[in-house]
Amino acid sequence: MIYVYLTVAILFEVAATTALKQTDGFTRLTPSVITLVGYGLAFYFLSLTLRVMPVGVVYALWSGMGILAITAIGWVWFRQTLDWPALVGIGLIVAGVLVINLFSKTVAH
């Protein structure tokens, strides 16, 4: 169940960050509300995950997967491009998340 909470936290964070781009400095109501509610729910579900897993591991997984998802959304939805150094860096983030999930004994299985 802990990975369900973490996944939900990541999804809310990604939705909030995507909406943040649309807030235009918090001058547009709907994306601003989505951003605030999304971050609030993301942190709530993140706190449930922290009951079982160490904060460093949780944050690495949460931020790593969020970066990957936001990068994909930026590329597809906002037509943002990435150069090779950016792609290599994102690849390293993905590798780090995989190492934590596959090999770390601090992750709840």
PDB file of N, CA and C in Angstrom:
ATOM      1  N   MET A   1       0.824  -1.209   0.000  1.00  0.00           N
ATOM      2  CA  MET A   1       0.000   0.000   0.000  1.00  0.00           C
ATOM      3  C   MET A   1       0.861   1.263   0.000  1.00  0.00           C
ATOM      4  N   ILE A   2       2.065   1.139   0.528  1.00  0.00           N
ATOM      5  CA  ILE A   2       2.922   2.309   0.644  1.00  0.00           C
ATOM      6  C   ILE A   2       3.286   2.871  -0.729  1.00  0.00           C
ATOM      7  N   TYR A   3       3.468   1.980  -1.703  1.00  0.00           N
ATOM      8  CA  TYR A   3       3.784   2.444  -3.057  1.00  0.00           C
ATOM      9  C   TYR A   3       2.577   3.085  -3.727  1.00  0.00           C
ATOM     10  N   VAL A   4       1.382   2.694  -3.329  1.00  0.00           N
ATOM     11  CA  VAL A   4       0.177   3.359  -3.833  1.00  0.00           C
ATOM     12  C   VAL A   4       0.163   4.803  -3.343  1.00  0.00           C
ATOM     13  N   TYR A   5       0.442   5.006  -2.053  1.00  0.00           N
ATOM     14  CA  TYR A   5       0.498   6.371  -1.509  1.00  0.00           C
ATOM     15  C   TYR A   5       1.572   7.194  -2.211  1.00  0.00           C
ATOM     16  N   LEU A   6       2.719   6.597  -2.425  1.00  0.00           N
ATOM     17  CA  LEU A   6       3.802   7.320  -3.091  1.00  0.00           C
ATOM     18  C   LEU A   6       3.423   7.662  -4.527  1.00  0.00           C
ATOM     19  N   THR A   7       2.814   6.740  -5.226  1.00  0.00           N
ATOM     20  CA  THR A   7       2.375   6.991  -6.608  1.00  0.00           C
ATOM     21  C   THR A   7       1.336   8.102  -6.656  1.00  0.00           C
ATOM     22  N   VAL A   8       0.388   8.072  -5.739  1.00  0.00           N
ATOM     23  CA  VAL A   8      -0.641   9.123  -5.687  1.00  0.00           C
ATOM     24  C   VAL A   8       0.012  10.475  -5.380  1.00  0.00           C
ATOM     25  N   ALA A   9       0.972  10.491  -4.457  1.00  0.00           N
ATOM     26  CA  ALA A   9       1.690  11.731  -4.142  1.00  0.00           C
ATOM     27  C   ALA A   9       2.401  12.266  -5.383  1.00  0.00           C
ATOM     28  N   ILE A  10       3.031  11.399  -6.135  1.00  0.00           N
ATOM     29  CA  ILE A  10       3.730  11.811  -7.353  1.00  0.00           C
ATOM     30  C   ILE A  10       2.740  12.352  -8.372  1.00  0.00           C
ATOM     31  N   LEU A  11       1.612  11.681  -8.551  1.00  0.00           N
ATOM     32  CA  LEU A  11       0.616  12.135  -9.529  1.00  0.00           C
ATOM     33  C   LEU A  11       0.067  13.517  -9.165  1.00  0.00           C
ATOM     34  N   PHE A  12      -0.229  13.734  -7.880  1.00  0.00           N
ATOM     35  CA  PHE A  12      -0.714  15.053  -7.466  1.00  0.00           C
ATOM     36  C   PHE A  12       0.361  16.123  -7.646  1.00  0.00           C
ATOM     37  N   GLU A  13       1.599  15.789  -7.343  1.00  0.00           N
ATOM     38  CA  GLU A  13       2.695  16.752  -7.509  1.00  0.00           C
ATOM     39  C   GLU A  13       2.882  17.106  -8.974  1.00  0.00           C
ATOM     40  N   VAL A  14       2.797  16.130  -9.843  1.00  0.00           N
ATOM     41  CA  VAL A  14       2.948  16.363 -11.276  1.00  0.00           C
ATOM     42  C   VAL A  14       1.787  17.220 -11.796  1.00  0.00           C
ATOM     43  N   ALA A  15       0.581  16.918 -11.369  1.00  0.00           N
ATOM     44  CA  ALA A  15      -0.572  17.728 -11.777  1.00  0.00           C
ATOM     45  C   ALA A  15      -0.426  19.167 -11.289  1.00  0.00           C
ATOM     46  N   ALA A  16       0.003  19.326 -10.045  1.00  0.00           N
ATOM     47  CA  ALA A  16       0.170  20.667  -9.485  1.00  0.00           C
ATOM     48  C   ALA A  16       1.267  21.443 -10.205  1.00  0.00           C
ATOM     49  N   THR A  17       2.368  20.793 -10.491  1.00  0.00           N
ATOM     50  CA  THR A  17       3.470  21.469 -11.178  1.00  0.00           C
ATOM     51  C   THR A  17       3.084  21.827 -12.604  1.00  0.00           C
ATOM     52  N   THR A  18       2.355  20.950 -13.265  1.00  0.00           N
ATOM     53  CA  THR A  18       1.874  21.249 -14.620  1.00  0.00           C
ATOM     54  C   THR A  18       0.930  22.445 -14.587  1.00  0.00           C
ATOM     55  N   ALA A  19       0.029  22.474 -13.625  1.00  0.00           N
ATOM     56  CA  ALA A  19      -0.899  23.601 -13.502  1.00  0.00           C
ATOM     57  C   ALA A  19      -0.163  24.883 -13.123  1.00  0.00           C
ATOM     58  N   LEU A  20       0.927  24.758 -12.374  1.00  0.00           N
ATOM     59  CA  LEU A  20       1.694  25.931 -11.953  1.00  0.00           C
ATOM     60  C   LEU A  20       2.152  26.752 -13.152  1.00  0.00           C
ATOM     61  N   LYS A  21       2.528  26.071 -14.223  1.00  0.00           N
ATOM     62  CA  LYS A  21       2.943  26.776 -15.439  1.00  0.00           C
ATOM     63  C   LYS A  21       1.795  27.623 -15.982  1.00  0.00           C
ATOM     64  N   GLN A  22       0.585  27.155 -15.808  1.00  0.00           N
ATOM     65  CA  GLN A  22      -0.589  27.832 -16.356  1.00  0.00           C
ATOM     66  C   GLN A  22      -1.145  28.944 -15.454  1.00  0.00           C
ATOM     67  N   THR A  23      -0.626  29.063 -14.215  1.00  0.00           N
ATOM     68  CA  THR A  23      -1.179  30.057 -13.283  1.00  0.00           C
ATOM     69  C   THR A  23      -0.871  31.491 -13.681  1.00  0.00           C
ATOM     70  N   ASP A  24       0.176  31.662 -14.492  1.00  0.00           N
ATOM     71  CA  ASP A  24       0.618  33.002 -14.893  1.00  0.00           C
ATOM     72  C   ASP A  24       0.871  33.860 -13.650  1.00  0.00           C
ATOM     73  N   GLY A  25       1.722  33.312 -12.769  1.00  0.00           N
ATOM     74  CA  GLY A  25       2.058  34.036 -11.538  1.00  0.00           C
ATOM     75  C   GLY A  25       0.903  34.104 -10.563  1.00  0.00           C
ATOM     76  N   PHE A  26       0.081  33.069 -10.527  1.00  0.00           N
ATOM     77  CA  PHE A  26      -1.100  32.983  -9.668  1.00  0.00           C
ATOM     78  C   PHE A  26      -2.114  34.084  -9.964  1.00  0.00           C
ATOM     79  N   THR A  27      -2.209  34.471 -11.230  1.00  0.00           N
ATOM     80  CA  THR A  27      -3.210  35.462 -11.639  1.00  0.00           C
ATOM     81  C   THR A  27      -4.425  34.796 -12.288  1.00  0.00           C
ATOM     82  N   ARG A  28      -4.350  33.496 -12.540  1.00  0.00           N
ATOM     83  CA  ARG A  28      -5.479  32.756 -13.126  1.00  0.00           C
ATOM     84  C   ARG A  28      -6.019  31.787 -12.075  1.00  0.00           C
ATOM     85  N   LEU A  29      -7.307  31.887 -11.788  1.00  0.00           N
ATOM     86  CA  LEU A  29      -7.913  31.192 -10.652  1.00  0.00           C
ATOM     87  C   LEU A  29      -7.866  29.668 -10.767  1.00  0.00           C
ATOM     88  N   THR A  30      -8.380  29.107 -11.845  1.00  0.00           N
ATOM     89  CA  THR A  30      -8.490  27.644 -11.926  1.00  0.00           C
ATOM     90  C   THR A  30      -7.143  26.943 -11.820  1.00  0.00           C
ATOM     91  N   PRO A  31      -6.135  27.314 -12.616  1.00  0.00           N
ATOM     92  CA  PRO A  31      -4.848  26.632 -12.446  1.00  0.00           C
ATOM     93  C   PRO A  31      -4.218  26.898 -11.077  1.00  0.00           C
ATOM     94  N   SER A  32      -4.483  28.063 -10.489  1.00  0.00           N
ATOM     95  CA  SER A  32      -3.946  28.362  -9.162  1.00  0.00           C
ATOM     96  C   SER A  32      -4.554  27.439  -8.110  1.00  0.00           C
ATOM     97  N   VAL A  33      -5.857  27.200  -8.194  1.00  0.00           N
ATOM     98  CA  VAL A  33      -6.527  26.297  -7.254  1.00  0.00           C
ATOM     99  C   VAL A  33      -6.028  24.868  -7.449  1.00  0.00           C
ATOM    100  N   ILE A  34      -5.897  24.438  -8.705  1.00  0.00           N
ATOM    101  CA  ILE A  34      -5.376  23.094  -8.989  1.00  0.00           C
ATOM    102  C   ILE A  34      -3.969  22.950  -8.403  1.00  0.00           C
ATOM    103  N   THR A  35      -3.149  23.975  -8.539  1.00  0.00           N
ATOM    104  CA  THR A  35      -1.788  23.935  -8.009  1.00  0.00           C
ATOM    105  C   THR A  35      -1.792  23.799  -6.496  1.00  0.00           C
ATOM    106  N   LEU A  36      -2.543  24.633  -5.817  1.00  0.00           N
ATOM    107  CA  LEU A  36      -2.558  24.611  -4.352  1.00  0.00           C
ATOM    108  C   LEU A  36      -3.146  23.316  -3.793  1.00  0.00           C
ATOM    109  N   VAL A  37      -4.251  22.879  -4.359  1.00  0.00           N
ATOM    110  CA  VAL A  37      -4.876  21.630  -3.899  1.00  0.00           C
ATOM    111  C   VAL A  37      -3.980  20.440  -4.237  1.00  0.00           C
ATOM    112  N   GLY A  38      -3.412  20.459  -5.426  1.00  0.00           N
ATOM    113  CA  GLY A  38      -2.534  19.362  -5.844  1.00  0.00           C
ATOM    114  C   GLY A  38      -1.327  19.214  -4.945  1.00  0.00           C
ATOM    115  N   TYR A  39      -0.664  20.327  -4.616  1.00  0.00           N
ATOM    116  CA  TYR A  39       0.486  20.245  -3.712  1.00  0.00           C
ATOM    117  C   TYR A  39       0.067  19.815  -2.308  1.00  0.00           C
ATOM    118  N   GLY A  40      -1.079  20.304  -1.849  1.00  0.00           N
ATOM    119  CA  GLY A  40      -1.565  19.894  -0.528  1.00  0.00           C
ATOM    120  C   GLY A  40      -1.804  18.390  -0.457  1.00  0.00           C
ATOM    121  N   LEU A  41      -2.465  17.843  -1.463  1.00  0.00           N
ATOM    122  CA  LEU A  41      -2.721  16.402  -1.493  1.00  0.00           C
ATOM    123  C   LEU A  41      -1.430  15.615  -1.709  1.00  0.00           C
ATOM    124  N   ALA A  42      -0.527  16.146  -2.507  1.00  0.00           N
ATOM    125  CA  ALA A  42       0.759  15.472  -2.718  1.00  0.00           C
ATOM    126  C   ALA A  42       1.502  15.336  -1.394  1.00  0.00           C
ATOM    127  N   PHE A  43       1.557  16.412  -0.633  1.00  0.00           N
ATOM    128  CA  PHE A  43       2.262  16.350   0.647  1.00  0.00           C
ATOM    129  C   PHE A  43       1.545  15.464   1.654  1.00  0.00           C
ATOM    130  N   TYR A  44       0.225  15.431   1.603  1.00  0.00           N
ATOM    131  CA  TYR A  44      -0.507  14.534   2.502  1.00  0.00           C
ATOM    132  C   TYR A  44      -0.135  13.073   2.221  1.00  0.00           C
ATOM    133  N   PHE A  45      -0.218  12.673   0.957  1.00  0.00           N
ATOM    134  CA  PHE A  45       0.106  11.287   0.617  1.00  0.00           C
ATOM    135  C   PHE A  45       1.588  10.991   0.810  1.00  0.00           C
ATOM    136  N   LEU A  46       2.414  11.988   0.611  1.00  0.00           N
ATOM    137  CA  LEU A  46       3.843  11.816   0.884  1.00  0.00           C
ATOM    138  C   LEU A  46       4.063  11.555   2.374  1.00  0.00           C
ATOM    139  N   SER A  47       3.311  12.239   3.217  1.00  0.00           N
ATOM    140  CA  SER A  47       3.458  12.036   4.665  1.00  0.00           C
ATOM    141  C   SER A  47       3.045  10.625   5.076  1.00  0.00           C
ATOM    142  N   LEU A  48       2.080  10.050   4.383  1.00  0.00           N
ATOM    143  CA  LEU A  48       1.688   8.671   4.674  1.00  0.00           C
ATOM    144  C   LEU A  48       2.818   7.705   4.318  1.00  0.00           C
ATOM    145  N   THR A  49       3.493   7.994   3.233  1.00  0.00           N
ATOM    146  CA  THR A  49       4.633   7.177   2.820  1.00  0.00           C
ATOM    147  C   THR A  49       5.753   7.260   3.844  1.00  0.00           C
ATOM    148  N   LEU A  50       5.955   8.440   4.410  1.00  0.00           N
ATOM    149  CA  LEU A  50       7.039   8.653   5.367  1.00  0.00           C
ATOM    150  C   LEU A  50       6.829   7.920   6.693  1.00  0.00           C
ATOM    151  N   ARG A  51       5.647   7.388   6.929  1.00  0.00           N
ATOM    152  CA  ARG A  51       5.413   6.580   8.129  1.00  0.00           C
ATOM    153  C   ARG A  51       6.241   5.296   8.094  1.00  0.00           C
ATOM    154  N   VAL A  52       6.553   4.830   6.892  1.00  0.00           N
ATOM    155  CA  VAL A  52       7.191   3.525   6.726  1.00  0.00           C
ATOM    156  C   VAL A  52       8.596   3.619   6.142  1.00  0.00           C
ATOM    157  N   MET A  53       8.802   4.540   5.230  1.00  0.00           N
ATOM    158  CA  MET A  53      10.073   4.614   4.507  1.00  0.00           C
ATOM    159  C   MET A  53      10.899   5.802   4.981  1.00  0.00           C
ATOM    160  N   PRO A  54      12.218   5.725   4.875  1.00  0.00           N
ATOM    161  CA  PRO A  54      13.087   6.844   5.261  1.00  0.00           C
ATOM    162  C   PRO A  54      12.878   8.057   4.351  1.00  0.00           C
ATOM    163  N   VAL A  55      12.975   9.239   4.932  1.00  0.00           N
ATOM    164  CA  VAL A  55      12.695  10.471   4.202  1.00  0.00           C
ATOM    165  C   VAL A  55      13.618  10.647   2.989  1.00  0.00           C
ATOM    166  N   GLY A  56      14.878  10.289   3.103  1.00  0.00           N
ATOM    167  CA  GLY A  56      15.802  10.447   1.982  1.00  0.00           C
ATOM    168  C   GLY A  56      15.428   9.596   0.791  1.00  0.00           C
ATOM    169  N   VAL A  57      15.024   8.375   1.058  1.00  0.00           N
ATOM    170  CA  VAL A  57      14.618   7.463  -0.019  1.00  0.00           C
ATOM    171  C   VAL A  57      13.304   7.931  -0.639  1.00  0.00           C
ATOM    172  N   VAL A  58      12.349   8.283   0.206  1.00  0.00           N
ATOM    173  CA  VAL A  58      11.057   8.755  -0.294  1.00  0.00           C
ATOM    174  C   VAL A  58      11.244   9.990  -1.164  1.00  0.00           C
ATOM    175  N   TYR A  59      12.040  10.935  -0.694  1.00  0.00           N
ATOM    176  CA  TYR A  59      12.230  12.158  -1.457  1.00  0.00           C
ATOM    177  C   TYR A  59      12.942  11.880  -2.774  1.00  0.00           C
ATOM    178  N   ALA A  60      13.915  10.978  -2.765  1.00  0.00           N
ATOM    179  CA  ALA A  60      14.613  10.633  -4.004  1.00  0.00           C
ATOM    180  C   ALA A  60      13.648  10.024  -5.021  1.00  0.00           C
ATOM    181  N   LEU A  61      12.803   9.121  -4.565  1.00  0.00           N
ATOM    182  CA  LEU A  61      11.837   8.495  -5.473  1.00  0.00           C
ATOM    183  C   LEU A  61      10.796   9.498  -5.954  1.00  0.00           C
ATOM    184  N   TRP A  62      10.263  10.281  -5.027  1.00  0.00           N
ATOM    185  CA  TRP A  62       9.217  11.255  -5.345  1.00  0.00           C
ATOM    186  C   TRP A  62       9.730  12.301  -6.328  1.00  0.00           C
ATOM    187  N   SER A  63      10.863  12.876  -6.017  1.00  0.00           N
ATOM    188  CA  SER A  63      11.376  13.932  -6.892  1.00  0.00           C
ATOM    189  C   SER A  63      11.875  13.361  -8.215  1.00  0.00           C
ATOM    190  N   GLY A  64      12.521  12.194  -8.181  1.00  0.00           N
ATOM    191  CA  GLY A  64      13.022  11.597  -9.417  1.00  0.00           C
ATOM    192  C   GLY A  64      11.914  11.260 -10.390  1.00  0.00           C
ATOM    193  N   MET A  65      10.887  10.610  -9.905  1.00  0.00           N
ATOM    194  CA  MET A  65       9.771  10.259 -10.779  1.00  0.00           C
ATOM    195  C   MET A  65       9.003  11.504 -11.209  1.00  0.00           C
ATOM    196  N   GLY A  66       8.904  12.485 -10.317  1.00  0.00           N
ATOM    197  CA  GLY A  66       8.248  13.742 -10.684  1.00  0.00           C
ATOM    198  C   GLY A  66       8.998  14.472 -11.778  1.00  0.00           C
ATOM    199  N   ILE A  67      10.321  14.496 -11.674  1.00  0.00           N
ATOM    200  CA  ILE A  67      11.141  15.141 -12.711  1.00  0.00           C
ATOM    201  C   ILE A  67      10.936  14.453 -14.052  1.00  0.00           C
ATOM    202  N   LEU A  68      10.952  13.148 -14.042  1.00  0.00           N
ATOM    203  CA  LEU A  68      10.758  12.398 -15.280  1.00  0.00           C
ATOM    204  C   LEU A  68       9.389  12.699 -15.891  1.00  0.00           C
ATOM    205  N   ALA A  69       8.346  12.675 -15.079  1.00  0.00           N
ATOM    206  CA  ALA A  69       6.993  12.929 -15.578  1.00  0.00           C
ATOM    207  C   ALA A  69       6.830  14.365 -16.073  1.00  0.00           C
ATOM    208  N   ILE A  70       7.339  15.332 -15.314  1.00  0.00           N
ATOM    209  CA  ILE A  70       7.224  16.727 -15.726  1.00  0.00           C
ATOM    210  C   ILE A  70       8.011  16.986 -17.008  1.00  0.00           C
ATOM    211  N   THR A  71       9.157  16.361 -17.138  1.00  0.00           N
ATOM    212  CA  THR A  71       9.946  16.506 -18.357  1.00  0.00           C
ATOM    213  C   THR A  71       9.174  15.967 -19.558  1.00  0.00           C
ATOM    214  N   ALA A  72       8.548  14.814 -19.398  1.00  0.00           N
ATOM    215  CA  ALA A  72       7.756  14.238 -20.487  1.00  0.00           C
ATOM    216  C   ALA A  72       6.572  15.134 -20.834  1.00  0.00           C
ATOM    217  N   ILE A  73       5.900  15.660 -19.819  1.00  0.00           N
ATOM    218  CA  ILE A  73       4.765  16.566 -20.067  1.00  0.00           C
ATOM    219  C   ILE A  73       5.240  17.837 -20.765  1.00  0.00           C
ATOM    220  N   GLY A  74       6.354  18.387 -20.305  1.00  0.00           N
ATOM    221  CA  GLY A  74       6.900  19.581 -20.947  1.00  0.00           C
ATOM    222  C   GLY A  74       7.238  19.338 -22.403  1.00  0.00           C
ATOM    223  N   TRP A  75       7.762  18.176 -22.695  1.00  0.00           N
ATOM    224  CA  TRP A  75       8.152  17.838 -24.059  1.00  0.00           C
ATOM    225  C   TRP A  75       6.924  17.648 -24.950  1.00  0.00           C
ATOM    226  N   VAL A  76       5.918  16.908 -24.456  1.00  0.00           N
ATOM    227  CA  VAL A  76       4.745  16.597 -25.263  1.00  0.00           C
ATOM    228  C   VAL A  76       3.762  17.755 -25.299  1.00  0.00           C
ATOM    229  N   TRP A  77       3.405  18.275 -24.127  1.00  0.00           N
ATOM    230  CA  TRP A  77       2.326  19.250 -24.030  1.00  0.00           C
ATOM    231  C   TRP A  77       2.792  20.675 -24.339  1.00  0.00           C
ATOM    232  N   PHE A  78       3.933  21.066 -23.786  1.00  0.00           N
ATOM    233  CA  PHE A  78       4.408  22.434 -23.955  1.00  0.00           C
ATOM    234  C   PHE A  78       5.434  22.574 -25.075  1.00  0.00           C
ATOM    235  N   ARG A  79       5.750  21.463 -25.754  1.00  0.00           N
ATOM    236  CA  ARG A  79       6.699  21.460 -26.883  1.00  0.00           C
ATOM    237  C   ARG A  79       8.086  21.962 -26.489  1.00  0.00           C
ATOM    238  N   GLN A  80       8.501  21.650 -25.268  1.00  0.00           N
ATOM    239  CA  GLN A  80       9.833  22.035 -24.810  1.00  0.00           C
ATOM    240  C   GLN A  80      10.832  20.994 -25.275  1.00  0.00           C
ATOM    241  N   THR A  81      11.990  21.451 -25.722  1.00  0.00           N
ATOM    242  CA  THR A  81      13.002  20.527 -26.215  1.00  0.00           C
ATOM    243  C   THR A  81      14.110  20.346 -25.177  1.00  0.00           C
ATOM    244  N   LEU A  82      14.805  19.228 -25.294  1.00  0.00           N
ATOM    245  CA  LEU A  82      15.904  18.914 -24.383  1.00  0.00           C
ATOM    246  C   LEU A  82      17.156  18.631 -25.203  1.00  0.00           C
ATOM    247  N   ASP A  83      18.295  19.148 -24.735  1.00  0.00           N
ATOM    248  CA  ASP A  83      19.555  18.825 -25.395  1.00  0.00           C
ATOM    249  C   ASP A  83      20.138  17.560 -24.776  1.00  0.00           C
ATOM    250  N   TRP A  84      21.261  17.085 -25.335  1.00  0.00           N
ATOM    251  CA  TRP A  84      21.870  15.841 -24.860  1.00  0.00           C
ATOM    252  C   TRP A  84      22.266  15.881 -23.390  1.00  0.00           C
ATOM    253  N   PRO A  85      22.871  16.960 -22.894  1.00  0.00           N
ATOM    254  CA  PRO A  85      23.196  16.977 -21.460  1.00  0.00           C
ATOM    255  C   PRO A  85      21.958  16.839 -20.570  1.00  0.00           C
ATOM    256  N   ALA A  86      20.850  17.450 -20.973  1.00  0.00           N
ATOM    257  CA  ALA A  86      19.616  17.325 -20.202  1.00  0.00           C
ATOM    258  C   ALA A  86      19.113  15.887 -20.226  1.00  0.00           C
ATOM    259  N   LEU A  87      19.156  15.255 -21.386  1.00  0.00           N
ATOM    260  CA  LEU A  87      18.711  13.867 -21.498  1.00  0.00           C
ATOM    261  C   LEU A  87      19.595  12.922 -20.687  1.00  0.00           C
ATOM    262  N   VAL A  88      20.906  13.157 -20.710  1.00  0.00           N
ATOM    263  CA  VAL A  88      21.820  12.337 -19.921  1.00  0.00           C
ATOM    264  C   VAL A  88      21.520  12.510 -18.429  1.00  0.00           C
ATOM    265  N   GLY A  89      21.313  13.751 -17.995  1.00  0.00           N
ATOM    266  CA  GLY A  89      20.994  14.007 -16.590  1.00  0.00           C
ATOM    267  C   GLY A  89      19.713  13.328 -16.159  1.00  0.00           C
ATOM    268  N   ILE A  90      18.693  13.385 -16.992  1.00  0.00           N
ATOM    269  CA  ILE A  90      17.431  12.716 -16.674  1.00  0.00           C
ATOM    270  C   ILE A  90      17.629  11.202 -16.651  1.00  0.00           C
ATOM    271  N   GLY A  91      18.441  10.698 -17.558  1.00  0.00           N
ATOM    272  CA  GLY A  91      18.758   9.273 -17.552  1.00  0.00           C
ATOM    273  C   GLY A  91      19.435   8.858 -16.259  1.00  0.00           C
ATOM    274  N   LEU A  92      20.312   9.704 -15.748  1.00  0.00           N
ATOM    275  CA  LEU A  92      20.976   9.406 -14.473  1.00  0.00           C
ATOM    276  C   LEU A  92      19.982   9.419 -13.309  1.00  0.00           C
ATOM    277  N   ILE A  93      19.022  10.313 -13.365  1.00  0.00           N
ATOM    278  CA  ILE A  93      17.979  10.347 -12.338  1.00  0.00           C
ATOM    279  C   ILE A  93      17.180   9.043 -12.372  1.00  0.00           C
ATOM    280  N   VAL A  94      16.790   8.610 -13.565  1.00  0.00           N
ATOM    281  CA  VAL A  94      16.056   7.350 -13.708  1.00  0.00           C
ATOM    282  C   VAL A  94      16.898   6.185 -13.194  1.00  0.00           C
ATOM    283  N   ALA A  95      18.184   6.184 -13.526  1.00  0.00           N
ATOM    284  CA  ALA A  95      19.072   5.129 -13.042  1.00  0.00           C
ATOM    285  C   ALA A  95      19.123   5.123 -11.514  1.00  0.00           C
ATOM    286  N   GLY A  96      19.183   6.298 -10.907  1.00  0.00           N
ATOM    287  CA  GLY A  96      19.199   6.385  -9.450  1.00  0.00           C
ATOM    288  C   GLY A  96      17.930   5.835  -8.825  1.00  0.00           C
ATOM    289  N   VAL A  97      16.781   6.165  -9.405  1.00  0.00           N
ATOM    290  CA  VAL A  97      15.509   5.641  -8.897  1.00  0.00           C
ATOM    291  C   VAL A  97      15.482   4.119  -9.020  1.00  0.00           C
ATOM    292  N   LEU A  98      15.967   3.598 -10.130  1.00  0.00           N
ATOM    293  CA  LEU A  98      16.007   2.144 -10.314  1.00  0.00           C
ATOM    294  C   LEU A  98      16.935   1.471  -9.308  1.00  0.00           C
ATOM    295  N   VAL A  99      18.095   2.059  -9.086  1.00  0.00           N
ATOM    296  CA  VAL A  99      19.034   1.484  -8.112  1.00  0.00           C
ATOM    297  C   VAL A  99      18.399   1.433  -6.728  1.00  0.00           C
ATOM    298  N   ILE A 100      17.742   2.519  -6.332  1.00  0.00           N
ATOM    299  CA  ILE A 100      17.086   2.548  -5.019  1.00  0.00           C
ATOM    300  C   ILE A 100      16.019   1.452  -4.933  1.00  0.00           C
ATOM    301  N   ASN A 101      15.187   1.351  -5.960  1.00  0.00           N
ATOM    302  CA  ASN A 101      14.088   0.378  -5.919  1.00  0.00           C
ATOM    303  C   ASN A 101      14.550  -1.065  -6.019  1.00  0.00           C
ATOM    304  N   LEU A 102      15.577  -1.304  -6.796  1.00  0.00           N
ATOM    305  CA  LEU A 102      16.001  -2.688  -7.028  1.00  0.00           C
ATOM    306  C   LEU A 102      16.996  -3.214  -6.001  1.00  0.00           C
ATOM    307  N   PHE A 103      17.826  -2.327  -5.446  1.00  0.00           N
ATOM    308  CA  PHE A 103      18.935  -2.817  -4.635  1.00  0.00           C
ATOM    309  C   PHE A 103      18.971  -2.332  -3.195  1.00  0.00           C
ATOM    310  N   SER A 104      18.268  -1.258  -2.879  1.00  0.00           N
ATOM    311  CA  SER A 104      18.341  -0.721  -1.532  1.00  0.00           C
ATOM    312  C   SER A 104      17.500  -1.545  -0.565  1.00  0.00           C
ATOM    313  N   LYS A 105      18.073  -1.814   0.592  1.00  0.00           N
ATOM    314  CA  LYS A 105      17.342  -2.536   1.629  1.00  0.00           C
ATOM    315  C   LYS A 105      16.510  -1.574   2.498  1.00  0.00           C
ATOM    316  N   THR A 106      16.622  -0.279   2.256  1.00  0.00           N
ATOM    317  CA  THR A 106      15.847   0.695   3.031  1.00  0.00           C
ATOM    318  C   THR A 106      14.463   0.940   2.450  1.00  0.00           C
ATOM    319  N   VAL A 107      14.182   0.376   1.282  1.00  0.00           N
ATOM    320  CA  VAL A 107      12.883   0.551   0.643  1.00  0.00           C
ATOM    321  C   VAL A 107      11.960  -0.554   1.106  1.00  0.00           C
ATOM    322  N   ALA A 108      10.719  -0.169   1.452  1.00  0.00           N
ATOM    323  CA  ALA A 108       9.724  -1.161   1.877  1.00  0.00           C
ATOM    324  C   ALA A 108       9.287  -1.993   0.675  1.00  0.00           C
ATOM    325  N   HIS A 109       9.382  -3.285   0.793  1.00  0.00           N
ATOM    326  CA  HIS A 109       8.941  -4.181  -0.298  1.00  0.00           C
ATOM    327  C   HIS A 109       7.749  -4.986   0.140  1.00  0.00           C
TER     328      HIS A 109
END
